[in-house]
Amino acid sequence: MNLYQRGAMRLTSFTDYSLRVLMYVAARPGATVTIAEIANAFSISESHLTKVVHQLGRRGLLRNVRGRGGGVELDRPAAGINIGAVVRAAEREPYVECFDPRTNRCVITPVCRLRGVLSEAFAALYATLDRYTLEDIAQNRQRLRALLEPPGRPAGRGRYLREKRT
């Protein structure tokens, strides 16, 4: 049984979707993709993904391409997008009340050792995530595309993959 199955750690859906969007776009270098395509591939609400894509754009990770054949594409090379930085930006901190002295109302804070344990655990999580880039997790582009393409629609055809025009 892995950590996820035991419920030891769970990222927010916003973080999960941010990573999925980036992987989807990275699996199609040189192409623009639409939010509808991503939503369809992962069976996720388009309205929720619109918010995710907007935030990724504000952070300089995605670029919006307007006009015919428009959509989104990476705003920098996948090798320049650090997974730890993406997760830090998407996750809501503090993770527990005692991490924020402005709002902490926990009565055991002065003697609690859990805070130190959790700090150490989150530091270890981010240390691991910081070792990887989007390029590292999207190197298997062909296999990703094969799983994400709609059935009966070959990759690179029609509205599901628009090559950038130069």
Protein backbone atom coordinates (compact mmCIF):
# COMPACT_ATOMS: atom_id res chain seq x y z
CA MET A 1 0.00 0.00 0.00
CA ASN A 2 1.47 3.37 -1.01
CA LEU A 3 1.26 6.67 0.88
CA TYR A 4 -1.64 7.93 -1.22
CA GLN A 5 -3.71 4.81 -0.51
CA ARG A 6 -3.09 5.20 3.22
CA GLY A 7 -4.13 8.85 3.05
CA ALA A 8 -0.80 10.12 4.39
CA MET A 9 -0.61 13.11 2.04
CA ARG A 10 -3.00 14.77 -0.33
CA LEU A 11 -2.41 17.81 -2.47
CA THR A 12 -5.30 20.15 -3.23
CA SER A 13 -7.20 19.54 -6.45
CA PHE A 14 -5.91 22.92 -7.66
CA THR A 15 -2.32 21.66 -7.36
CA ASP A 16 -3.21 18.32 -8.94
CA TYR A 17 -4.89 20.04 -11.89
CA SER A 18 -2.01 22.50 -12.26
CA LEU A 19 0.43 19.62 -12.64
CA ARG A 20 -1.88 17.75 -15.03
CA VAL A 21 -2.31 20.83 -17.23
CA LEU A 22 1.44 21.36 -17.40
CA MET A 23 2.06 17.70 -18.24
CA TYR A 24 -0.63 17.76 -20.94
CA VAL A 25 0.86 20.85 -22.57
CA ALA A 26 4.43 19.55 -22.20
CA ALA A 27 3.43 16.33 -23.95
CA ARG A 28 2.70 18.43 -27.05
CA PRO A 29 5.78 20.58 -27.67
CA GLY A 30 5.27 23.12 -30.43
CA ALA A 31 1.48 22.85 -30.24
CA THR A 32 -1.27 24.92 -28.71
CA VAL A 33 -4.00 23.13 -26.80
CA THR A 34 -7.36 24.29 -25.55
CA ILE A 35 -8.81 24.11 -22.09
CA ALA A 36 -11.63 22.01 -23.55
CA GLU A 37 -9.11 19.43 -24.78
CA ILE A 38 -7.45 19.21 -21.39
CA ALA A 39 -10.80 19.03 -19.58
CA ASN A 40 -11.94 16.27 -21.92
CA ALA A 41 -8.73 14.27 -21.51
CA PHE A 42 -8.91 14.31 -17.70
CA SER A 43 -12.71 14.53 -17.26
CA ILE A 44 -12.35 17.78 -15.32
CA SER A 45 -14.65 20.80 -15.34
CA GLU A 46 -13.65 23.42 -17.93
CA SER A 47 -14.57 26.24 -15.56
CA HIS A 48 -12.24 24.86 -12.88
CA LEU A 49 -9.44 24.41 -15.41
CA THR A 50 -9.93 27.97 -16.63
CA LYS A 51 -8.96 29.20 -13.16
CA VAL A 52 -5.96 26.85 -13.08
CA VAL A 53 -4.78 27.95 -16.54
CA HIS A 54 -5.24 31.60 -15.58
CA GLN A 55 -3.02 31.18 -12.50
CA LEU A 56 -0.39 29.25 -14.47
CA GLY A 57 -0.39 32.11 -16.97
CA ARG A 58 0.00 34.72 -14.21
CA ARG A 59 3.02 32.79 -12.92
CA GLY A 60 4.63 32.83 -16.36
CA LEU A 61 4.28 29.09 -16.95
CA LEU A 62 1.66 29.18 -19.73
CA ARG A 63 1.09 31.62 -22.57
CA ASN A 64 -2.32 32.28 -24.07
CA VAL A 65 -2.35 32.16 -27.87
CA ARG A 66 -5.25 34.10 -29.34
CA GLY A 67 -6.98 33.80 -32.65
CA ARG A 68 -7.62 30.92 -34.99
CA GLY A 69 -5.84 27.84 -33.75
CA GLY A 70 -5.38 29.50 -30.36
CA GLY A 71 -5.11 27.94 -26.96
CA VAL A 72 -2.30 27.65 -24.45
CA GLU A 73 1.32 26.61 -24.64
CA LEU A 74 4.29 26.57 -22.32
CA ASP A 75 5.75 30.02 -21.78
CA ARG A 76 9.21 28.57 -21.10
CA PRO A 77 10.96 25.28 -21.77
CA ALA A 78 9.74 22.34 -19.69
CA ALA A 79 13.27 21.96 -18.32
CA GLY A 80 12.89 25.43 -16.75
CA ILE A 81 9.71 24.62 -14.80
CA ASN A 82 10.50 23.27 -11.35
CA ILE A 83 7.88 20.94 -9.87
CA GLY A 84 8.57 22.06 -6.29
CA ALA A 85 7.99 25.69 -7.28
CA VAL A 86 4.71 24.79 -9.00
CA VAL A 87 3.43 22.92 -5.95
CA ARG A 88 4.53 25.67 -3.54
CA ALA A 89 2.71 28.29 -5.62
CA ALA A 90 -0.47 26.22 -5.91
CA GLU A 91 -0.76 24.89 -2.36
CA ARG A 92 -2.38 26.97 0.32
CA GLU A 93 -0.05 27.59 3.20
CA PRO A 94 0.05 27.37 6.11
CA TYR A 95 -0.87 23.71 6.10
CA VAL A 96 -1.94 23.68 9.72
CA GLU A 97 -3.08 26.46 12.03
CA CYS A 98 0.05 26.57 14.19
CA PHE A 99 2.26 27.43 11.19
CA ASP A 100 0.74 30.92 11.05
CA PRO A 101 1.37 32.94 14.22
CA ARG A 102 -1.24 35.52 13.16
CA THR A 103 -4.11 33.02 13.25
CA ASN A 104 -2.82 30.32 15.58
CA ARG A 105 -5.26 29.64 18.40
CA CYS A 106 -4.06 26.16 19.33
CA VAL A 107 -3.61 25.94 23.09
CA ILE A 108 -0.85 23.31 22.98
CA THR A 109 1.48 25.26 20.67
CA PRO A 110 4.00 26.12 23.43
CA VAL A 111 4.68 22.43 24.12
CA CYS A 112 3.62 20.74 20.89
CA ARG A 113 6.23 18.74 19.02
CA LEU A 114 3.96 17.97 16.07
CA ARG A 115 4.72 21.34 14.45
CA GLY A 116 8.43 20.46 14.17
CA VAL A 117 7.63 17.02 12.77
CA LEU A 118 5.28 18.48 10.17
CA SER A 119 7.81 21.17 9.23
CA GLU A 120 10.42 18.48 8.68
CA ALA A 121 8.01 16.39 6.61
CA PHE A 122 7.05 19.30 4.35
CA ALA A 123 10.71 20.25 3.94
CA ALA A 124 11.46 16.67 2.83
CA LEU A 125 8.53 16.73 0.40
CA TYR A 126 9.69 19.97 -1.21
CA ALA A 127 13.32 18.85 -1.25
CA THR A 128 12.22 15.89 -3.35
CA LEU A 129 9.95 17.93 -5.64
CA ASP A 130 12.68 20.54 -6.12
CA ARG A 131 14.88 17.89 -7.76
CA TYR A 132 12.49 17.54 -10.71
CA THR A 133 11.38 19.66 -13.62
CA LEU A 134 8.40 19.38 -15.92
CA GLU A 135 10.79 17.92 -18.50
CA ASP A 136 11.66 15.11 -16.09
CA ILE A 137 8.05 14.09 -15.56
CA ALA A 138 6.95 14.55 -19.19
CA GLN A 139 9.81 12.74 -20.94
CA ASN A 140 7.41 9.95 -21.91
CA ARG A 141 5.49 12.35 -24.20
CA GLN A 142 4.36 9.72 -26.69
CA ARG A 143 2.94 7.46 -24.00
CA LEU A 144 1.22 10.43 -22.31
CA ARG A 145 -0.33 11.54 -25.61
CA ALA A 146 -1.51 8.00 -26.33
CA LEU A 147 -3.40 7.89 -23.04
CA LEU A 148 -4.80 11.41 -23.34
CA GLU A 149 -5.99 11.46 -26.95
CA PRO A 150 -9.71 10.89 -27.48
CA PRO A 151 -10.56 7.37 -28.70
CA GLY A 152 -10.64 7.09 -32.47
CA ARG A 153 -8.83 10.39 -32.97
CA PRO A 154 -5.17 10.05 -33.98
CA ALA A 155 -2.69 12.38 -32.32
CA GLY A 156 -1.89 15.53 -34.23
CA ARG A 157 -5.12 15.77 -36.22
CA GLY A 158 -8.05 18.11 -36.12
CA ARG A 159 -8.83 20.34 -33.22
CA TYR A 160 -7.11 18.11 -30.66
CA LEU A 161 -3.62 19.20 -31.61
CA ARG A 162 -2.91 22.39 -33.47
CA GLU A 163 0.67 22.85 -34.54
CA LYS A 164 1.94 26.38 -34.11
CA ARG A 165 2.11 28.31 -37.31
CA THR A 166 5.33 30.22 -37.87
